[in-house]
N, C-alpha and C. Protein backbone atom coordinates (compact mmCIF):
# COMPACT_ATOMS: atom_id res chain seq x y z
N MET A 1 -6.54 20.84 86.10
CA MET A 1 -7.81 20.20 85.86
C MET A 1 -7.56 18.84 85.23
N SER A 2 -8.12 17.81 85.83
CA SER A 2 -7.94 16.48 85.28
C SER A 2 -9.11 16.13 84.38
N ALA A 3 -9.00 15.01 83.69
CA ALA A 3 -10.04 14.60 82.75
C ALA A 3 -10.55 13.21 83.09
N PRO A 4 -11.17 13.04 84.27
CA PRO A 4 -11.59 11.71 84.69
C PRO A 4 -12.80 11.16 83.93
N GLU A 5 -13.52 12.02 83.20
CA GLU A 5 -14.74 11.56 82.56
C GLU A 5 -14.50 10.72 81.31
N TYR A 6 -13.25 10.58 80.87
CA TYR A 6 -12.94 9.81 79.68
C TYR A 6 -12.10 8.59 80.03
N ASP A 7 -12.36 7.52 79.32
CA ASP A 7 -11.62 6.29 79.48
C ASP A 7 -10.18 6.49 79.02
N GLU A 8 -9.24 5.95 79.76
CA GLU A 8 -7.82 6.08 79.43
C GLU A 8 -7.51 5.57 78.03
N ARG A 9 -8.22 4.55 77.59
CA ARG A 9 -7.95 3.99 76.25
C ARG A 9 -8.15 5.03 75.16
N LEU A 10 -9.04 6.00 75.38
CA LEU A 10 -9.25 7.04 74.38
C LEU A 10 -8.04 7.97 74.30
N PHE A 11 -7.43 8.26 75.44
CA PHE A 11 -6.23 9.09 75.42
C PHE A 11 -5.07 8.36 74.77
N ILE A 12 -4.95 7.07 75.03
CA ILE A 12 -3.90 6.26 74.40
C ILE A 12 -4.12 6.24 72.88
N LYS A 13 -5.38 6.10 72.46
CA LYS A 13 -5.70 6.11 71.03
C LYS A 13 -5.33 7.46 70.43
N TYR A 14 -5.63 8.54 71.13
CA TYR A 14 -5.30 9.89 70.66
C TYR A 14 -3.80 10.02 70.44
N LEU A 15 -3.02 9.59 71.43
CA LEU A 15 -1.55 9.64 71.29
C LEU A 15 -1.10 8.82 70.08
N ASN A 16 -1.68 7.64 69.90
CA ASN A 16 -1.30 6.80 68.76
C ASN A 16 -1.63 7.49 67.44
N LEU A 17 -2.80 8.12 67.37
CA LEU A 17 -3.19 8.82 66.14
C LEU A 17 -2.24 9.98 65.85
N LEU A 18 -1.76 10.62 66.90
CA LEU A 18 -0.80 11.71 66.74
C LEU A 18 0.60 11.20 66.45
N GLY A 19 0.82 9.91 66.68
CA GLY A 19 2.13 9.32 66.42
C GLY A 19 3.18 9.70 67.45
N ILE A 20 2.73 9.91 68.68
CA ILE A 20 3.67 10.29 69.75
C ILE A 20 3.52 9.36 70.95
N ARG A 21 4.50 9.45 71.83
CA ARG A 21 4.53 8.64 73.03
C ARG A 21 4.15 9.48 74.24
N ARG A 22 3.63 8.82 75.23
CA ARG A 22 3.38 9.47 76.51
C ARG A 22 4.73 9.87 77.10
N GLN A 23 4.81 11.05 77.65
CA GLN A 23 6.07 11.49 78.25
C GLN A 23 5.80 12.46 79.39
N LYS A 24 6.86 12.73 80.13
CA LYS A 24 6.73 13.67 81.24
C LYS A 24 6.38 15.05 80.71
N PRO A 25 5.52 15.76 81.43
CA PRO A 25 5.17 17.13 81.02
C PRO A 25 6.41 18.03 80.98
N GLY A 26 6.42 18.92 80.05
CA GLY A 26 7.50 19.87 79.91
C GLY A 26 7.37 20.60 78.59
N PHE A 27 8.21 21.60 78.40
CA PHE A 27 8.12 22.41 77.19
C PHE A 27 8.36 21.59 75.93
N GLU A 28 9.36 20.71 75.94
CA GLU A 28 9.65 19.89 74.75
C GLU A 28 8.49 18.96 74.43
N ALA A 29 7.90 18.38 75.46
CA ALA A 29 6.74 17.51 75.25
C ALA A 29 5.57 18.30 74.68
N LEU A 30 5.34 19.49 75.21
CA LEU A 30 4.26 20.33 74.71
C LEU A 30 4.48 20.69 73.24
N LYS A 31 5.72 21.04 72.88
CA LYS A 31 6.02 21.36 71.48
C LYS A 31 5.72 20.16 70.58
N GLU A 32 6.11 18.98 71.03
CA GLU A 32 5.88 17.78 70.22
C GLU A 32 4.38 17.49 70.05
N ILE A 33 3.63 17.64 71.13
CA ILE A 33 2.19 17.37 71.07
C ILE A 33 1.49 18.38 70.16
N VAL A 34 1.79 19.65 70.34
CA VAL A 34 1.15 20.69 69.53
C VAL A 34 1.53 20.54 68.06
N SER A 35 2.78 20.24 67.78
CA SER A 35 3.21 20.03 66.39
C SER A 35 2.51 18.83 65.77
N ALA A 36 2.42 17.75 66.53
CA ALA A 36 1.74 16.55 66.03
C ALA A 36 0.26 16.83 65.79
N GLN A 37 -0.37 17.56 66.69
CA GLN A 37 -1.78 17.92 66.53
C GLN A 37 -1.98 18.73 65.24
N ALA A 38 -1.14 19.74 65.06
CA ALA A 38 -1.27 20.62 63.88
C ALA A 38 -1.02 19.85 62.58
N ALA A 39 -0.11 18.89 62.61
CA ALA A 39 0.24 18.14 61.41
C ALA A 39 -0.74 17.00 61.12
N THR A 40 -1.45 16.51 62.13
CA THR A 40 -2.26 15.31 61.98
C THR A 40 -3.76 15.59 61.94
N VAL A 41 -4.20 16.58 62.71
CA VAL A 41 -5.63 16.82 62.89
C VAL A 41 -6.00 18.14 62.21
N PRO A 42 -6.65 18.05 61.05
CA PRO A 42 -6.94 19.29 60.32
C PRO A 42 -8.03 20.14 60.97
N PHE A 43 -7.92 21.42 60.74
CA PHE A 43 -9.00 22.34 61.06
C PHE A 43 -9.95 22.28 59.87
N GLU A 44 -11.17 21.85 60.10
CA GLU A 44 -12.13 21.71 59.00
C GLU A 44 -13.54 21.70 59.57
N ASN A 45 -14.53 21.86 58.70
CA ASN A 45 -15.92 21.78 59.16
C ASN A 45 -16.73 20.73 58.39
N ILE A 46 -16.09 19.99 57.51
CA ILE A 46 -16.79 18.93 56.78
C ILE A 46 -17.30 17.88 57.74
N SER A 47 -16.51 17.54 58.76
CA SER A 47 -16.95 16.53 59.73
C SER A 47 -18.23 16.96 60.44
N LYS A 48 -18.32 18.24 60.75
CA LYS A 48 -19.51 18.75 61.42
C LYS A 48 -20.74 18.56 60.53
N LEU A 49 -20.61 18.86 59.25
CA LEU A 49 -21.71 18.67 58.30
C LEU A 49 -22.04 17.19 58.13
N PHE A 50 -21.01 16.36 58.05
CA PHE A 50 -21.19 14.91 57.90
C PHE A 50 -21.96 14.34 59.10
N PHE A 51 -21.50 14.66 60.31
CA PHE A 51 -22.15 14.13 61.51
C PHE A 51 -23.57 14.69 61.68
N LYS A 52 -23.78 15.91 61.28
CA LYS A 52 -25.12 16.48 61.37
C LYS A 52 -26.07 15.74 60.43
N LYS A 53 -25.61 15.48 59.21
CA LYS A 53 -26.47 14.81 58.22
C LYS A 53 -26.70 13.34 58.57
N HIS A 54 -25.64 12.62 58.93
CA HIS A 54 -25.74 11.18 59.11
C HIS A 54 -26.14 10.75 60.52
N LEU A 55 -25.79 11.55 61.51
CA LEU A 55 -26.11 11.18 62.90
C LEU A 55 -27.06 12.18 63.56
N HIS A 56 -27.44 13.20 62.81
CA HIS A 56 -28.36 14.23 63.30
C HIS A 56 -27.84 14.92 64.57
N LEU A 57 -26.52 15.12 64.62
CA LEU A 57 -25.92 15.79 65.77
C LEU A 57 -25.93 17.30 65.55
N SER A 58 -26.20 18.01 66.61
CA SER A 58 -26.19 19.48 66.53
C SER A 58 -25.34 20.08 67.64
N HIS A 59 -24.50 19.26 68.25
CA HIS A 59 -23.66 19.71 69.34
C HIS A 59 -22.26 19.10 69.18
N LEU A 60 -21.39 19.40 70.10
CA LEU A 60 -20.04 18.84 70.06
C LEU A 60 -20.10 17.32 70.11
N ILE A 61 -19.39 16.68 69.20
CA ILE A 61 -19.37 15.22 69.19
C ILE A 61 -18.61 14.71 70.42
N ASP A 62 -18.83 13.44 70.75
CA ASP A 62 -18.11 12.90 71.89
C ASP A 62 -16.68 12.54 71.49
N PHE A 63 -15.87 12.29 72.49
CA PHE A 63 -14.43 12.07 72.31
C PHE A 63 -14.17 10.88 71.39
N GLU A 64 -14.88 9.79 71.61
CA GLU A 64 -14.65 8.59 70.80
C GLU A 64 -14.99 8.83 69.33
N LEU A 65 -16.08 9.50 69.06
CA LEU A 65 -16.47 9.82 67.69
C LEU A 65 -15.46 10.76 67.04
N TYR A 66 -14.94 11.71 67.80
CA TYR A 66 -13.91 12.63 67.32
C TYR A 66 -12.67 11.83 66.87
N LEU A 67 -12.22 10.90 67.71
CA LEU A 67 -11.04 10.10 67.38
C LEU A 67 -11.30 9.16 66.21
N ASP A 68 -12.50 8.57 66.17
CA ASP A 68 -12.85 7.70 65.05
C ASP A 68 -12.85 8.48 63.73
N GLY A 69 -13.32 9.72 63.77
CA GLY A 69 -13.31 10.55 62.58
C GLY A 69 -11.90 10.82 62.08
N ILE A 70 -10.97 11.05 63.00
CA ILE A 70 -9.57 11.25 62.63
C ILE A 70 -9.02 9.98 62.00
N GLU A 71 -9.29 8.87 62.64
CA GLU A 71 -8.73 7.59 62.20
C GLU A 71 -9.33 7.10 60.89
N LYS A 72 -10.64 7.15 60.75
CA LYS A 72 -11.30 6.55 59.59
C LYS A 72 -11.46 7.47 58.39
N TYR A 73 -11.62 8.76 58.65
CA TYR A 73 -11.96 9.68 57.57
C TYR A 73 -10.97 10.84 57.40
N ASN A 74 -9.91 10.84 58.19
CA ASN A 74 -8.97 11.96 58.20
C ASN A 74 -9.66 13.28 58.54
N PHE A 75 -10.70 13.19 59.36
CA PHE A 75 -11.38 14.38 59.84
C PHE A 75 -10.52 15.03 60.91
N GLY A 76 -10.90 16.19 61.27
CA GLY A 76 -10.35 16.92 62.41
C GLY A 76 -11.54 17.54 63.08
N GLY A 77 -11.63 18.85 62.98
CA GLY A 77 -12.77 19.53 63.55
C GLY A 77 -12.62 21.02 63.45
N THR A 78 -13.63 21.70 63.95
CA THR A 78 -13.56 23.15 64.03
C THR A 78 -12.63 23.51 65.17
N CYS A 79 -12.35 24.79 65.30
CA CYS A 79 -11.42 25.20 66.36
C CYS A 79 -11.93 24.78 67.73
N TYR A 80 -13.24 24.83 67.94
CA TYR A 80 -13.76 24.46 69.26
C TYR A 80 -13.49 22.99 69.57
N ALA A 81 -13.85 22.10 68.66
CA ALA A 81 -13.65 20.67 68.89
C ALA A 81 -12.17 20.33 69.03
N ASN A 82 -11.35 20.81 68.10
CA ASN A 82 -9.92 20.50 68.16
C ASN A 82 -9.30 21.00 69.45
N ASN A 83 -9.61 22.22 69.83
CA ASN A 83 -9.01 22.78 71.05
C ASN A 83 -9.56 22.10 72.30
N PHE A 84 -10.84 21.78 72.30
CA PHE A 84 -11.44 21.13 73.47
C PHE A 84 -10.77 19.78 73.73
N PHE A 85 -10.67 18.95 72.69
CA PHE A 85 -10.11 17.62 72.89
C PHE A 85 -8.60 17.65 73.10
N LEU A 86 -7.90 18.58 72.50
CA LEU A 86 -6.48 18.73 72.78
C LEU A 86 -6.29 19.15 74.24
N ASN A 87 -7.14 20.03 74.73
CA ASN A 87 -7.08 20.42 76.14
C ASN A 87 -7.32 19.23 77.06
N ARG A 88 -8.25 18.37 76.70
CA ARG A 88 -8.51 17.17 77.51
C ARG A 88 -7.25 16.29 77.55
N LEU A 89 -6.61 16.13 76.39
CA LEU A 89 -5.38 15.33 76.34
C LEU A 89 -4.30 15.94 77.23
N LEU A 90 -4.09 17.23 77.10
CA LEU A 90 -3.05 17.91 77.90
C LEU A 90 -3.38 17.85 79.38
N SER A 91 -4.64 17.91 79.73
CA SER A 91 -5.05 17.81 81.13
C SER A 91 -4.82 16.41 81.68
N TRP A 92 -4.98 15.42 80.84
CA TRP A 92 -4.82 14.03 81.26
C TRP A 92 -3.35 13.65 81.42
N LEU A 93 -2.48 14.17 80.57
CA LEU A 93 -1.08 13.73 80.57
C LEU A 93 -0.35 13.87 81.91
N PRO A 94 -0.48 14.96 82.66
CA PRO A 94 0.23 15.01 83.93
C PRO A 94 -0.21 13.95 84.93
N ALA A 95 -1.42 13.42 84.72
CA ALA A 95 -1.92 12.39 85.63
C ALA A 95 -1.39 11.00 85.30
N THR A 96 -0.74 10.85 84.14
CA THR A 96 -0.23 9.54 83.77
C THR A 96 1.01 9.21 84.59
N LYS A 97 1.32 7.94 84.68
CA LYS A 97 2.35 7.49 85.62
C LYS A 97 3.78 7.67 85.14
N SER A 98 4.07 7.39 83.88
CA SER A 98 5.48 7.36 83.49
C SER A 98 5.64 7.56 82.00
N ASN A 99 6.87 7.40 81.54
CA ASN A 99 7.22 7.52 80.13
C ASN A 99 6.92 6.23 79.38
N THR A 100 5.72 5.72 79.47
CA THR A 100 5.40 4.48 78.77
C THR A 100 4.95 4.81 77.37
N SER A 101 4.98 3.81 76.52
CA SER A 101 4.57 3.99 75.13
C SER A 101 3.09 4.29 75.04
N GLY A 102 2.72 5.05 74.04
CA GLY A 102 1.30 5.30 73.78
C GLY A 102 0.63 4.06 73.21
N GLY A 103 1.41 3.12 72.69
CA GLY A 103 0.86 1.92 72.07
C GLY A 103 0.35 0.93 73.08
N SER A 104 -0.49 0.02 72.62
CA SER A 104 -1.03 -1.00 73.52
C SER A 104 -0.10 -2.18 73.62
């Protein structure tokens, strides 16, 4: 399953936030991505309360807001949000062209 509904720049930003580079799919790459996700993106629900109060959201936030929360507030998300967006990243990676840097 690919993830065409999101702009590539969001995936590049996600990789940068995780502190990893784009690489060929494989077990070692998967271990690195999952480890970086676990170490960088906390499981929490404060962000959900924050976005509900300040933006009146009652559903899953969009990808860009999720990444901005990680970058600006050290937010993460509940298991649903974290797993959903990690799945989007993993689905996107096989579609990338090469071992290029995640940086711009």
